[in-house]
Protein backbone atom coordinates (compact mmCIF):
# COMPACT_ATOMS: atom_id res chain seq x y z
CA MET A 1 -4.21 -9.26 21.24
CA ARG A 2 -1.14 -10.91 19.72
CA ILE A 3 -0.86 -12.38 16.23
CA PRO A 4 1.90 -15.02 15.93
CA CYS A 5 3.83 -14.38 12.71
CA GLU A 6 7.27 -14.26 11.11
CA GLY A 7 6.86 -11.33 8.73
CA LEU A 8 4.99 -8.06 8.30
CA LEU A 9 3.93 -7.01 4.80
CA PHE A 10 2.88 -3.35 4.61
CA ASP A 11 0.93 -1.56 1.94
CA ASN A 12 2.41 1.91 1.54
CA ASP A 13 -0.23 4.55 0.78
CA GLY A 14 -2.85 4.82 3.51
CA VAL A 15 -0.91 2.54 5.85
CA LEU A 16 2.59 3.98 6.16
CA VAL A 17 2.17 7.31 4.38
CA ASP A 18 -0.57 9.84 3.68
CA SER A 19 -0.32 10.58 -0.03
CA ASP A 20 -3.98 11.49 -0.58
CA GLN A 21 -3.30 15.13 -1.48
CA GLY A 22 -0.67 14.14 -4.02
CA VAL A 23 -3.01 11.57 -5.52
CA ARG A 24 -5.78 14.14 -5.87
CA THR A 25 -3.40 16.69 -7.39
CA ALA A 26 -1.79 14.34 -9.90
CA TRP A 27 -4.85 12.38 -10.96
CA GLY A 28 -6.97 15.54 -11.00
CA ARG A 29 -4.60 17.18 -13.51
CA TRP A 30 -4.47 13.98 -15.55
CA ALA A 31 -8.28 13.65 -15.61
CA ARG A 32 -8.90 17.31 -16.51
CA ALA A 33 -6.53 17.04 -19.46
CA ARG A 34 -8.71 14.23 -20.81
CA GLY A 35 -12.11 15.69 -20.00
CA LEU A 36 -12.77 13.04 -17.36
CA PRO A 37 -14.60 13.71 -14.07
CA GLU A 38 -11.92 14.30 -11.43
CA ASP A 39 -13.89 12.94 -8.49
CA GLU A 40 -14.75 9.70 -10.24
CA VAL A 41 -11.17 9.16 -11.37
CA THR A 42 -9.57 9.88 -8.00
CA ALA A 43 -12.13 7.66 -6.26
CA MET A 44 -11.16 4.63 -8.34
CA VAL A 45 -7.37 4.78 -8.17
CA HIS A 46 -6.74 3.79 -4.56
CA GLY A 47 -5.07 0.40 -4.18
CA ARG A 48 -4.81 -0.04 -7.95
CA ARG A 49 -1.73 0.11 -10.19
CA SER A 50 -1.64 3.19 -12.40
CA ALA A 51 -1.29 0.92 -15.44
CA ASP A 52 -4.51 -0.87 -14.53
CA THR A 53 -6.38 2.41 -14.02
CA VAL A 54 -5.10 3.85 -17.30
CA ALA A 55 -6.18 0.69 -19.12
CA LEU A 56 -9.71 1.21 -17.80
CA LEU A 57 -9.91 4.92 -18.66
CA VAL A 58 -8.01 5.22 -21.97
CA ALA A 59 -9.84 3.22 -24.60
CA ASP A 60 -7.19 3.40 -27.35
CA PRO A 61 -4.33 0.99 -26.55
CA ALA A 62 -1.99 3.10 -28.67
CA GLU A 63 -2.53 6.07 -26.34
CA GLN A 64 -2.09 4.14 -23.09
CA PRO A 65 1.75 4.19 -22.85
CA ALA A 66 1.91 7.99 -23.08
CA ALA A 67 -1.01 8.39 -20.66
CA LEU A 68 0.68 6.05 -18.20
CA ALA A 69 4.02 7.83 -18.44
CA GLU A 70 2.27 11.14 -17.79
CA ILE A 71 0.45 10.06 -14.63
CA ASP A 72 3.55 8.34 -13.27
CA ARG A 73 5.47 11.59 -13.78
CA LEU A 74 2.74 13.71 -12.20
CA GLU A 75 2.55 11.45 -9.14
CA VAL A 76 6.31 11.56 -8.55
CA GLU A 77 6.21 15.37 -8.85
CA ALA A 78 3.44 15.51 -6.24
CA ALA A 79 5.18 13.13 -3.85
CA ALA A 80 7.01 15.91 -2.00
CA GLY A 81 3.96 16.59 0.15
CA THR A 82 3.72 13.02 1.46
CA VAL A 83 3.80 12.62 5.26
CA ALA A 84 4.14 9.61 7.53
CA LEU A 85 0.96 8.31 9.13
CA PRO A 86 0.79 8.05 12.94
CA GLY A 87 2.88 5.24 14.37
CA ALA A 88 4.59 4.33 11.10
CA SER A 89 8.02 5.74 11.87
CA SER A 90 8.35 4.31 15.36
CA LEU A 91 7.12 0.86 14.30
CA LEU A 92 9.35 0.55 11.23
CA LYS A 93 12.45 1.78 13.04
CA ALA A 94 11.89 -0.81 15.77
CA LEU A 95 11.58 -3.74 13.36
CA PRO A 96 14.44 -6.07 12.42
CA GLU A 97 15.25 -5.45 8.76
CA ASP A 98 14.58 -9.05 7.77
CA VAL A 99 10.99 -9.29 9.01
CA TRP A 100 9.23 -6.55 7.04
CA ALA A 101 8.50 -5.57 3.46
CA VAL A 102 6.45 -3.01 1.56
CA VAL A 103 4.07 -4.11 -1.20
CA THR A 104 2.61 -1.22 -3.17
CA SER A 105 0.56 -0.63 -6.29
CA GLY A 106 2.81 2.36 -7.04
CA VAL A 107 5.79 2.21 -9.37
CA GLY A 108 9.25 1.98 -7.82
CA PRO A 109 10.32 5.63 -8.18
CA LEU A 110 7.00 6.80 -6.71
CA ALA A 111 7.13 4.43 -3.73
CA ARG A 112 10.69 5.49 -2.91
CA ALA A 113 9.85 9.20 -3.34
CA ARG A 114 6.90 8.96 -0.96
CA LEU A 115 8.80 7.00 1.69
CA ASP A 116 11.68 9.46 1.45
CA ALA A 117 9.42 12.51 1.67
CA ALA A 118 7.74 11.01 4.74
CA GLY A 119 11.10 10.36 6.41
CA LEU A 120 10.54 6.62 6.60
CA PRO A 121 13.23 3.97 6.09
CA LEU A 122 13.40 2.11 2.81
CA PRO A 123 12.71 -1.60 3.26
CA ALA A 124 15.17 -4.26 2.21
CA VAL A 125 12.25 -5.86 0.36
CA LEU A 126 10.11 -3.51 -1.76
CA VAL A 127 7.63 -4.99 -4.23
CA THR A 128 6.18 -2.42 -6.63
CA ALA A 129 3.82 -2.33 -9.59
CA GLY A 130 6.46 -3.34 -12.11
CA ASP A 131 7.57 -6.38 -10.14
CA VAL A 132 4.40 -8.42 -10.65
CA ALA A 133 2.34 -9.57 -13.60
CA ARG A 134 -0.93 -8.88 -11.79
CA GLY A 135 -1.71 -6.09 -9.35
CA LYS A 136 -3.97 -6.19 -6.32
CA PRO A 137 -6.49 -7.81 -5.71
CA ALA A 138 -4.32 -10.62 -7.13
CA PRO A 139 -1.99 -11.99 -4.42
CA ASP A 140 1.18 -11.81 -6.55
CA GLY A 141 2.79 -8.91 -4.70
CA TYR A 142 2.31 -10.35 -1.25
CA LEU A 143 3.44 -13.80 -2.35
CA ALA A 144 6.58 -12.29 -3.86
CA ALA A 145 7.36 -10.29 -0.72
CA ALA A 146 6.88 -13.28 1.56
CA ALA A 147 9.15 -15.38 -0.65
CA ARG A 148 11.88 -12.72 -0.62
CA LEU A 149 11.68 -12.55 3.17
CA GLY A 150 11.81 -16.34 3.37
CA VAL A 151 8.45 -16.46 5.18
CA GLU A 152 5.49 -18.70 4.49
CA PRO A 153 2.50 -16.47 3.56
CA ALA A 154 0.41 -18.14 6.26
CA ARG A 155 3.00 -16.94 8.80
CA ALA A 156 2.79 -13.33 7.62
CA VAL A 157 0.58 -10.38 8.54
CA VAL A 158 -0.57 -8.01 5.78
CA LEU A 159 -1.44 -4.44 6.77
CA GLU A 160 -3.79 -2.80 4.28
CA ASP A 161 -6.31 0.01 3.94
CA SER A 162 -7.92 -0.83 0.59
CA ALA A 163 -10.43 -3.52 -0.33
CA ALA A 164 -8.26 -4.68 -3.23
CA GLY A 165 -5.21 -4.89 -0.99
CA ALA A 166 -7.00 -6.77 1.77
CA GLU A 167 -8.36 -9.20 -0.81
CA ALA A 168 -4.82 -9.70 -2.13
CA GLY A 169 -3.47 -10.39 1.35
CA ALA A 170 -6.21 -12.89 2.12
CA ALA A 171 -5.71 -14.62 -1.25
CA ALA A 172 -2.02 -14.97 -0.40
CA GLY A 173 -3.04 -16.80 2.78
CA ALA A 174 -1.90 -14.13 5.23
CA TYR A 175 -3.66 -12.69 8.27
CA VAL A 176 -4.94 -9.24 7.27
CA VAL A 177 -4.97 -6.18 9.53
CA GLY A 178 -7.02 -3.30 8.14
CA VAL A 179 -5.81 0.22 8.81
CA GLY A 180 -7.84 3.42 9.18
CA GLU A 181 -11.38 4.32 8.23
CA ARG A 182 -10.93 2.87 4.75
CA GLY A 183 -9.95 -0.37 6.41
CA LEU A 184 -13.49 -0.71 7.69
CA ALA A 185 -14.68 -1.21 4.11
CA THR A 186 -12.43 -4.25 3.73
CA ASP A 187 -12.80 -7.86 4.82
CA ALA A 188 -9.73 -7.59 7.06
CA ASP A 189 -9.61 -9.89 10.11
CA VAL A 190 -9.19 -6.89 12.43
CA VAL A 191 -9.02 -3.12 11.84
CA VAL A 192 -6.85 -0.61 13.74
CA ARG A 193 -7.06 3.17 13.70
CA ASP A 194 -3.39 3.51 12.69
CA LEU A 195 -0.04 1.93 13.52
CA ARG A 196 0.30 3.54 16.94
CA GLY A 197 0.56 0.96 19.69
CA LEU A 198 1.57 -1.90 17.38
CA VAL A 199 4.63 -3.74 18.71
CA TRP A 200 6.77 -6.53 17.25
CA ARG A 201 7.50 -8.84 20.15
CA ASP A 202 8.74 -12.43 20.42
CA GLY A 203 7.89 -13.42 16.87
CA GLY A 204 4.48 -11.82 16.72
CA LEU A 205 2.55 -8.59 16.26
CA ASP A 206 1.08 -7.27 19.49
CA LEU A 207 -2.04 -5.13 19.01
CA SER A 208 -2.88 -4.69 22.68
CA GLY A 209 -1.81 -1.03 22.63
CA ALA A 210 -3.60 -0.16 19.37
CA GLU A 211 -7.00 1.47 18.95
CA LEU A 212 -9.22 -1.18 17.41
CA LEU A 213 -11.96 -0.07 15.04
CA ARG A 214 -13.13 -3.64 14.48
CA SER A 215 -12.10 -6.90 16.08
């Protein structure tokens, strides 16, 4: 299976890196300090900007800036345990610098800390939470990344593991590849186990060596 395209737009967490433990640690501490149920809070944060989550959970607007600063700090502190997901390192290192970007709901320092901890290269194009007016599921991040790469969104492939992210990629007009078990809960065009077996070849993404969970 080969998808003709000119650019690859990666989500970070759950696609390139496994940051789940750090997310549970940071958001768990944050929730406990506010008397909120940890499991419910950590279940709702995936694929969402921290600012958007804080706005939902902290009713008083005056308290939101401090609450946001705290969770952003806690997440960066917990980033040291982040590891690369299977296939991420080999795929990224084989890609030309000008064909790929990372679009994440995390803030810039957090995205860079997680990529660094996982031993993955930093992209030339990195679109983070602070770079867009609207987070996923709005398409703003993927549209911005495609523009910075000089690629039409319809000629790009988005790789996502969250429903909000897959919705954002589709709204941008890109072909969406879901990644991992969480990817099965999205409306992605196809879902792969992980990035192993994915190859950039002749202006397209070749999935013939990947394990497909849904096609």
